[in-house]
Amino acid sequence: MVNGILFDSGKADVKPESADALKEVVKLLQQDLKLKLYVVGHTDNVGALAGNMELSKQHAAAVVRELTTKYSVAADRLQAC
């Protein structure tokens, strides 16, 4: 589990202050070129369960998007859940 990947409540945009945590994930992936990761999103407890479940999926997808576009991680090494 990686702490420090942040989102505003109810939103699925990775906050800029998440860069250090994302760089730690990149470093881990660079240390083992065969490593593949499941990216699992989480939310706060504000709002309805169904909406938070969907938002969790959006968070995971947003992290994968950040890692692949800004940090050049190969998409086949990540799976959003």
PDB file of N, CA and C in Angstrom:
ATOM      1  N   MET A   1       0.844  -1.176   0.000  1.00  0.00           N
ATOM      2  CA  MET A   1       0.000   0.000   0.000  1.00  0.00           C
ATOM      3  C   MET A   1       0.893   1.244   0.000  1.00  0.00           C
ATOM      4  N   VAL A   2       0.519   2.183  -0.825  1.00  0.00           N
ATOM      5  CA  VAL A   2       1.254   3.438  -0.920  1.00  0.00           C
ATOM      6  C   VAL A   2       0.365   4.564  -0.410  1.00  0.00           C
ATOM      7  N   ASN A   3       0.828   5.261   0.587  1.00  0.00           N
ATOM      8  CA  ASN A   3       0.099   6.417   1.093  1.00  0.00           C
ATOM      9  C   ASN A   3       0.584   7.670   0.394  1.00  0.00           C
ATOM     10  N   GLY A   4      -0.292   8.661   0.306  1.00  0.00           N
ATOM     11  CA  GLY A   4       0.124   9.942  -0.234  1.00  0.00           C
ATOM     12  C   GLY A   4      -0.348  10.236  -1.638  1.00  0.00           C
ATOM     13  N   ILE A   5      -1.143   9.334  -2.221  1.00  0.00           N
ATOM     14  CA  ILE A   5      -1.759   9.636  -3.506  1.00  0.00           C
ATOM     15  C   ILE A   5      -3.124  10.225  -3.173  1.00  0.00           C
ATOM     16  N   LEU A   6      -3.275  11.500  -3.472  1.00  0.00           N
ATOM     17  CA  LEU A   6      -4.382  12.278  -2.930  1.00  0.00           C
ATOM     18  C   LEU A   6      -5.371  12.740  -3.997  1.00  0.00           C
ATOM     19  N   PHE A   7      -6.624  12.838  -3.570  1.00  0.00           N
ATOM     20  CA  PHE A   7      -7.732  13.316  -4.391  1.00  0.00           C
ATOM     21  C   PHE A   7      -8.588  14.235  -3.533  1.00  0.00           C
ATOM     22  N   ASP A   8      -9.235  15.199  -4.153  1.00  0.00           N
ATOM     23  CA  ASP A   8     -10.256  15.959  -3.444  1.00  0.00           C
ATOM     24  C   ASP A   8     -11.466  15.061  -3.260  1.00  0.00           C
ATOM     25  N   SER A   9     -12.219  15.276  -2.197  1.00  0.00           N
ATOM     26  CA  SER A   9     -13.409  14.482  -1.922  1.00  0.00           C
ATOM     27  C   SER A   9     -14.383  14.574  -3.093  1.00  0.00           C
ATOM     28  N   GLY A  10     -14.826  13.417  -3.559  1.00  0.00           N
ATOM     29  CA  GLY A  10     -15.809  13.363  -4.636  1.00  0.00           C
ATOM     30  C   GLY A  10     -15.237  13.554  -6.019  1.00  0.00           C
ATOM     31  N   LYS A  11     -13.914  13.643  -6.146  1.00  0.00           N
ATOM     32  CA  LYS A  11     -13.286  13.876  -7.445  1.00  0.00           C
ATOM     33  C   LYS A  11     -12.270  12.779  -7.756  1.00  0.00           C
ATOM     34  N   ALA A  12     -11.951  12.642  -9.038  1.00  0.00           N
ATOM     35  CA  ALA A  12     -11.028  11.581  -9.460  1.00  0.00           C
ATOM     36  C   ALA A  12      -9.777  12.124 -10.135  1.00  0.00           C
ATOM     37  N   ASP A  13      -9.416  13.360  -9.841  1.00  0.00           N
ATOM     38  CA  ASP A  13      -8.191  13.934 -10.381  1.00  0.00           C
ATOM     39  C   ASP A  13      -7.087  13.813  -9.336  1.00  0.00           C
ATOM     40  N   VAL A  14      -5.977  13.195  -9.721  1.00  0.00           N
ATOM     41  CA  VAL A  14      -4.846  13.053  -8.807  1.00  0.00           C
ATOM     42  C   VAL A  14      -4.293  14.443  -8.506  1.00  0.00           C
ATOM     43  N   LYS A  15      -4.152  14.749  -7.225  1.00  0.00           N
ATOM     44  CA  LYS A  15      -3.639  16.063  -6.829  1.00  0.00           C
ATOM     45  C   LYS A  15      -2.132  16.143  -7.075  1.00  0.00           C
ATOM     46  N   PRO A  16      -1.645  17.329  -7.441  1.00  0.00           N
ATOM     47  CA  PRO A  16      -0.213  17.496  -7.727  1.00  0.00           C
ATOM     48  C   PRO A  16       0.703  17.084  -6.577  1.00  0.00           C
ATOM     49  N   GLU A  17       0.256  17.240  -5.351  1.00  0.00           N
ATOM     50  CA  GLU A  17       1.096  16.878  -4.202  1.00  0.00           C
ATOM     51  C   GLU A  17       1.262  15.362  -4.034  1.00  0.00           C
ATOM     52  N   SER A  18       0.708  14.592  -4.962  1.00  0.00           N
ATOM     53  CA  SER A  18       0.869  13.137  -4.966  1.00  0.00           C
ATOM     54  C   SER A  18       2.149  12.701  -5.655  1.00  0.00           C
ATOM     55  N   ALA A  19       2.877  13.640  -6.241  1.00  0.00           N
ATOM     56  CA  ALA A  19       4.051  13.311  -7.063  1.00  0.00           C
ATOM     57  C   ALA A  19       5.072  12.463  -6.313  1.00  0.00           C
ATOM     58  N   ASP A  20       5.375  12.771  -5.073  1.00  0.00           N
ATOM     59  CA  ASP A  20       6.385  12.006  -4.333  1.00  0.00           C
ATOM     60  C   ASP A  20       5.960  10.543  -4.173  1.00  0.00           C
ATOM     61  N   ALA A  21       4.693  10.308  -3.862  1.00  0.00           N
ATOM     62  CA  ALA A  21       4.204   8.936  -3.706  1.00  0.00           C
ATOM     63  C   ALA A  21       4.228   8.199  -5.048  1.00  0.00           C
ATOM     64  N   LEU A  22       3.855   8.879  -6.111  1.00  0.00           N
ATOM     65  CA  LEU A  22       3.888   8.257  -7.436  1.00  0.00           C
ATOM     66  C   LEU A  22       5.321   7.909  -7.831  1.00  0.00           C
ATOM     67  N   LYS A  23       6.260   8.770  -7.508  1.00  0.00           N
ATOM     68  CA  LYS A  23       7.669   8.498  -7.807  1.00  0.00           C
ATOM     69  C   LYS A  23       8.172   7.275  -7.048  1.00  0.00           C
ATOM     70  N   GLU A  24       7.651   7.045  -5.856  1.00  0.00           N
ATOM     71  CA  GLU A  24       8.026   5.845  -5.091  1.00  0.00           C
ATOM     72  C   GLU A  24       7.526   4.584  -5.799  1.00  0.00           C
ATOM     73  N   VAL A  25       6.342   4.653  -6.368  1.00  0.00           N
ATOM     74  CA  VAL A  25       5.811   3.514  -7.130  1.00  0.00           C
ATOM     75  C   VAL A  25       6.695   3.272  -8.352  1.00  0.00           C
ATOM     76  N   VAL A  26       7.058   4.329  -9.042  1.00  0.00           N
ATOM     77  CA  VAL A  26       7.923   4.212 -10.214  1.00  0.00           C
ATOM     78  C   VAL A  26       9.262   3.587  -9.821  1.00  0.00           C
ATOM     79  N   LYS A  27       9.825   4.026  -8.712  1.00  0.00           N
ATOM     80  CA  LYS A  27      11.100   3.476  -8.254  1.00  0.00           C
ATOM     81  C   LYS A  27      10.970   1.974  -7.986  1.00  0.00           C
ATOM     82  N   LEU A  28       9.900   1.563  -7.365  1.00  0.00           N
ATOM     83  CA  LEU A  28       9.652   0.146  -7.103  1.00  0.00           C
ATOM     84  C   LEU A  28       9.586  -0.633  -8.420  1.00  0.00           C
ATOM     85  N   LEU A  29       8.876  -0.096  -9.394  1.00  0.00           N
ATOM     86  CA  LEU A  29       8.757  -0.766 -10.683  1.00  0.00           C
ATOM     87  C   LEU A  29      10.095  -0.821 -11.423  1.00  0.00           C
ATOM     88  N   GLN A  30      10.921   0.185 -11.260  1.00  0.00           N
ATOM     89  CA  GLN A  30      12.234   0.206 -11.904  1.00  0.00           C
ATOM     90  C   GLN A  30      13.188  -0.805 -11.280  1.00  0.00           C
ATOM     91  N   GLN A  31      12.986  -1.128 -10.015  1.00  0.00           N
ATOM     92  CA  GLN A  31      13.850  -2.079  -9.325  1.00  0.00           C
ATOM     93  C   GLN A  31      13.590  -3.515  -9.769  1.00  0.00           C
ATOM     94  N   ASP A  32      12.376  -3.791 -10.238  1.00  0.00           N
ATOM     95  CA  ASP A  32      12.017  -5.141 -10.679  1.00  0.00           C
ATOM     96  C   ASP A  32      11.228  -5.007 -11.976  1.00  0.00           C
ATOM     97  N   LEU A  33      11.897  -5.200 -13.086  1.00  0.00           N
ATOM     98  CA  LEU A  33      11.281  -4.967 -14.392  1.00  0.00           C
ATOM     99  C   LEU A  33      10.195  -5.986 -14.740  1.00  0.00           C
ATOM    100  N   LYS A  34      10.085  -7.067 -13.967  1.00  0.00           N
ATOM    101  CA  LYS A  34       9.035  -8.056 -14.197  1.00  0.00           C
ATOM    102  C   LYS A  34       7.797  -7.795 -13.329  1.00  0.00           C
ATOM    103  N   LEU A  35       7.912  -6.871 -12.389  1.00  0.00           N
ATOM    104  CA  LEU A  35       6.829  -6.590 -11.449  1.00  0.00           C
ATOM    105  C   LEU A  35       5.634  -5.957 -12.161  1.00  0.00           C
ATOM    106  N   LYS A  36       4.456  -6.464 -11.830  1.00  0.00           N
ATOM    107  CA  LYS A  36       3.201  -5.889 -12.298  1.00  0.00           C
ATOM    108  C   LYS A  36       2.364  -5.589 -11.067  1.00  0.00           C
ATOM    109  N   LEU A  37       1.577  -4.517 -11.127  1.00  0.00           N
ATOM    110  CA  LEU A  37       0.816  -4.090  -9.953  1.00  0.00           C
ATOM    111  C   LEU A  37      -0.668  -3.964 -10.240  1.00  0.00           C
ATOM    112  N   TYR A  38      -1.461  -4.326  -9.246  1.00  0.00           N
ATOM    113  CA  TYR A  38      -2.876  -3.984  -9.230  1.00  0.00           C
ATOM    114  C   TYR A  38      -2.981  -2.639  -8.531  1.00  0.00           C
ATOM    115  N   VAL A  39      -3.687  -1.715  -9.136  1.00  0.00           N
ATOM    116  CA  VAL A  39      -3.900  -0.401  -8.538  1.00  0.00           C
ATOM    117  C   VAL A  39      -5.336  -0.368  -8.051  1.00  0.00           C
ATOM    118  N   VAL A  40      -5.496  -0.267  -6.735  1.00  0.00           N
ATOM    119  CA  VAL A  40      -6.816  -0.306  -6.117  1.00  0.00           C
ATOM    120  C   VAL A  40      -7.129   1.071  -5.544  1.00  0.00           C
ATOM    121  N   GLY A  41      -8.263   1.614  -5.927  1.00  0.00           N
ATOM    122  CA  GLY A  41      -8.661   2.924  -5.437  1.00  0.00           C
ATOM    123  C   GLY A  41      -9.493   2.836  -4.176  1.00  0.00           C
ATOM    124  N   HIS A  42      -9.458   3.902  -3.411  1.00  0.00           N
ATOM    125  CA  HIS A  42     -10.240   4.021  -2.186  1.00  0.00           C
ATOM    126  C   HIS A  42     -10.856   5.417  -2.141  1.00  0.00           C
ATOM    127  N   THR A  43     -11.867   5.581  -1.303  1.00  0.00           N
ATOM    128  CA  THR A  43     -12.503   6.886  -1.131  1.00  0.00           C
ATOM    129  C   THR A  43     -12.670   7.172   0.355  1.00  0.00           C
ATOM    130  N   ASP A  44     -13.164   8.374   0.621  1.00  0.00           N
ATOM    131  CA  ASP A  44     -13.561   8.690   1.996  1.00  0.00           C
ATOM    132  C   ASP A  44     -14.968   8.123   2.212  1.00  0.00           C
ATOM    133  N   ASN A  45     -15.586   8.450   3.316  1.00  0.00           N
ATOM    134  CA  ASN A  45     -16.911   7.909   3.613  1.00  0.00           C
ATOM    135  C   ASN A  45     -18.023   8.930   3.378  1.00  0.00           C
ATOM    136  N   VAL A  46     -17.741   9.933   2.556  1.00  0.00           N
ATOM    137  CA  VAL A  46     -18.743  10.946   2.232  1.00  0.00           C
ATOM    138  C   VAL A  46     -19.518  10.468   1.016  1.00  0.00           C
ATOM    139  N   GLY A  47     -20.837  10.451   1.117  1.00  0.00           N
ATOM    140  CA  GLY A  47     -21.656  10.045  -0.019  1.00  0.00           C
ATOM    141  C   GLY A  47     -22.140   8.618   0.092  1.00  0.00           C
ATOM    142  N   ALA A  48     -22.891   8.219  -0.922  1.00  0.00           N
ATOM    143  CA  ALA A  48     -23.506   6.892  -0.947  1.00  0.00           C
ATOM    144  C   ALA A  48     -22.485   5.827  -1.346  1.00  0.00           C
ATOM    145  N   LEU A  49     -22.726   4.613  -0.894  1.00  0.00           N
ATOM    146  CA  LEU A  49     -21.829   3.488  -1.159  1.00  0.00           C
ATOM    147  C   LEU A  49     -21.624   3.280  -2.661  1.00  0.00           C
ATOM    148  N   ALA A  50     -22.692   3.251  -3.426  1.00  0.00           N
ATOM    149  CA  ALA A  50     -22.583   2.988  -4.866  1.00  0.00           C
ATOM    150  C   ALA A  50     -21.713   4.047  -5.546  1.00  0.00           C
ATOM    151  N   GLY A  51     -21.916   5.283  -5.195  1.00  0.00           N
ATOM    152  CA  GLY A  51     -21.110   6.351  -5.769  1.00  0.00           C
ATOM    153  C   GLY A  51     -19.652   6.246  -5.375  1.00  0.00           C
ATOM    154  N   ASN A  52     -19.400   5.868  -4.137  1.00  0.00           N
ATOM    155  CA  ASN A  52     -18.020   5.715  -3.671  1.00  0.00           C
ATOM    156  C   ASN A  52     -17.337   4.513  -4.322  1.00  0.00           C
ATOM    157  N   MET A  53     -18.093   3.462  -4.598  1.00  0.00           N
ATOM    158  CA  MET A  53     -17.512   2.312  -5.293  1.00  0.00           C
ATOM    159  C   MET A  53     -17.063   2.721  -6.698  1.00  0.00           C
ATOM    160  N   GLU A  54     -17.891   3.468  -7.393  1.00  0.00           N
ATOM    161  CA  GLU A  54     -17.538   3.947  -8.733  1.00  0.00           C
ATOM    162  C   GLU A  54     -16.353   4.914  -8.656  1.00  0.00           C
ATOM    163  N   LEU A  55     -16.362   5.795  -7.676  1.00  0.00           N
ATOM    164  CA  LEU A  55     -15.266   6.745  -7.510  1.00  0.00           C
ATOM    165  C   LEU A  55     -13.953   6.025  -7.201  1.00  0.00           C
ATOM    166  N   SER A  56     -14.018   4.945  -6.450  1.00  0.00           N
ATOM    167  CA  SER A  56     -12.813   4.154  -6.170  1.00  0.00           C
ATOM    168  C   SER A  56     -12.208   3.626  -7.465  1.00  0.00           C
ATOM    169  N   LYS A  57     -13.049   3.138  -8.367  1.00  0.00           N
ATOM    170  CA  LYS A  57     -12.571   2.659  -9.671  1.00  0.00           C
ATOM    171  C   LYS A  57     -11.956   3.805 -10.464  1.00  0.00           C
ATOM    172  N   GLN A  58     -12.576   4.965 -10.398  1.00  0.00           N
ATOM    173  CA  GLN A  58     -12.048   6.139 -11.098  1.00  0.00           C
ATOM    174  C   GLN A  58     -10.699   6.573 -10.521  1.00  0.00           C
ATOM    175  N   HIS A  59     -10.557   6.464  -9.209  1.00  0.00           N
ATOM    176  CA  HIS A  59      -9.271   6.795  -8.573  1.00  0.00           C
ATOM    177  C   HIS A  59      -8.177   5.865  -9.086  1.00  0.00           C
ATOM    178  N   ALA A  60      -8.463   4.576  -9.120  1.00  0.00           N
ATOM    179  CA  ALA A  60      -7.480   3.612  -9.607  1.00  0.00           C
ATOM    180  C   ALA A  60      -7.097   3.908 -11.055  1.00  0.00           C
ATOM    181  N   ALA A  61      -8.088   4.173 -11.886  1.00  0.00           N
ATOM    182  CA  ALA A  61      -7.823   4.480 -13.295  1.00  0.00           C
ATOM    183  C   ALA A  61      -7.001   5.761 -13.436  1.00  0.00           C
ATOM    184  N   ALA A  62      -7.273   6.742 -12.590  1.00  0.00           N
ATOM    185  CA  ALA A  62      -6.533   8.004 -12.638  1.00  0.00           C
ATOM    186  C   ALA A  62      -5.067   7.795 -12.269  1.00  0.00           C
ATOM    187  N   VAL A  63      -4.798   6.945 -11.299  1.00  0.00           N
ATOM    188  CA  VAL A  63      -3.419   6.655 -10.902  1.00  0.00           C
ATOM    189  C   VAL A  63      -2.695   5.938 -12.037  1.00  0.00           C
ATOM    190  N   VAL A  64      -3.347   4.975 -12.666  1.00  0.00           N
ATOM    191  CA  VAL A  64      -2.741   4.287 -13.805  1.00  0.00           C
ATOM    192  C   VAL A  64      -2.438   5.287 -14.921  1.00  0.00           C
ATOM    193  N   ARG A  65      -3.366   6.174 -15.185  1.00  0.00           N
ATOM    194  CA  ARG A  65      -3.173   7.198 -16.224  1.00  0.00           C
ATOM    195  C   ARG A  65      -1.962   8.084 -15.899  1.00  0.00           C
ATOM    196  N   GLU A  66      -1.846   8.503 -14.644  1.00  0.00           N
ATOM    197  CA  GLU A  66      -0.699   9.329 -14.223  1.00  0.00           C
ATOM    198  C   GLU A  66       0.614   8.575 -14.420  1.00  0.00           C
ATOM    199  N   LEU A  67       0.649   7.335 -13.987  1.00  0.00           N
ATOM    200  CA  LEU A  67       1.883   6.561 -14.065  1.00  0.00           C
ATOM    201  C   LEU A  67       2.292   6.284 -15.509  1.00  0.00           C
ATOM    202  N   THR A  68       1.325   6.055 -16.370  1.00  0.00           N
ATOM    203  CA  THR A  68       1.658   5.745 -17.757  1.00  0.00           C
ATOM    204  C   THR A  68       1.982   6.994 -18.566  1.00  0.00           C
ATOM    205  N   THR A  69       1.297   8.090 -18.309  1.00  0.00           N
ATOM    206  CA  THR A  69       1.507   9.287 -19.128  1.00  0.00           C
ATOM    207  C   THR A  69       2.622  10.184 -18.599  1.00  0.00           C
ATOM    208  N   LYS A  70       2.676  10.405 -17.317  1.00  0.00           N
ATOM    209  CA  LYS A  70       3.674  11.322 -16.763  1.00  0.00           C
ATOM    210  C   LYS A  70       4.982  10.646 -16.366  1.00  0.00           C
ATOM    211  N   TYR A  71       4.916   9.343 -16.097  1.00  0.00           N
ATOM    212  CA  TYR A  71       6.091   8.645 -15.593  1.00  0.00           C
ATOM    213  C   TYR A  71       6.543   7.503 -16.497  1.00  0.00           C
ATOM    214  N   SER A  72       5.914   7.373 -17.650  1.00  0.00           N
ATOM    215  CA  SER A  72       6.311   6.408 -18.688  1.00  0.00           C
ATOM    216  C   SER A  72       6.338   4.951 -18.228  1.00  0.00           C
ATOM    217  N   VAL A  73       5.454   4.597 -17.315  1.00  0.00           N
ATOM    218  CA  VAL A  73       5.313   3.203 -16.905  1.00  0.00           C
ATOM    219  C   VAL A  73       4.510   2.486 -17.994  1.00  0.00           C
ATOM    220  N   ALA A  74       4.952   1.323 -18.395  1.00  0.00           N
ATOM    221  CA  ALA A  74       4.227   0.556 -19.415  1.00  0.00           C
ATOM    222  C   ALA A  74       2.852   0.154 -18.883  1.00  0.00           C
ATOM    223  N   ALA A  75       1.843   0.383 -19.689  1.00  0.00           N
ATOM    224  CA  ALA A  75       0.464   0.116 -19.266  1.00  0.00           C
ATOM    225  C   ALA A  75       0.223  -1.354 -18.931  1.00  0.00           C
ATOM    226  N   ASP A  76       0.956  -2.256 -19.565  1.00  0.00           N
ATOM    227  CA  ASP A  76       0.748  -3.684 -19.296  1.00  0.00           C
ATOM    228  C   ASP A  76       1.309  -4.124 -17.944  1.00  0.00           C
ATOM    229  N   ARG A  77       1.932  -3.202 -17.215  1.00  0.00           N
ATOM    230  CA  ARG A  77       2.453  -3.520 -15.878  1.00  0.00           C
ATOM    231  C   ARG A  77       1.476  -3.098 -14.779  1.00  0.00           C
ATOM    232  N   LEU A  78       0.367  -2.449 -15.162  1.00  0.00           N
ATOM    233  CA  LEU A  78      -0.591  -1.921 -14.191  1.00  0.00           C
ATOM    234  C   LEU A  78      -1.989  -2.366 -14.551  1.00  0.00           C
ATOM    235  N   GLN A  79      -2.762  -2.671 -13.528  1.00  0.00           N
ATOM    236  CA  GLN A  79      -4.167  -2.999 -13.751  1.00  0.00           C
ATOM    237  C   GLN A  79      -4.987  -2.273 -12.695  1.00  0.00           C
ATOM    238  N   ALA A  80      -5.880  -1.405 -13.151  1.00  0.00           N
ATOM    239  CA  ALA A  80      -6.773  -0.684 -12.230  1.00  0.00           C
ATOM    240  C   ALA A  80      -7.879  -1.616 -11.782  1.00  0.00           C
ATOM    241  N   CYS A  81      -8.149  -1.611 -10.482  1.00  0.00           N
ATOM    242  CA  CYS A  81      -9.207  -2.464  -9.914  1.00  0.00           C
ATOM    243  C   CYS A  81     -10.189  -1.612  -9.140  1.00  0.00           C
TER     244      CYS A  81
END
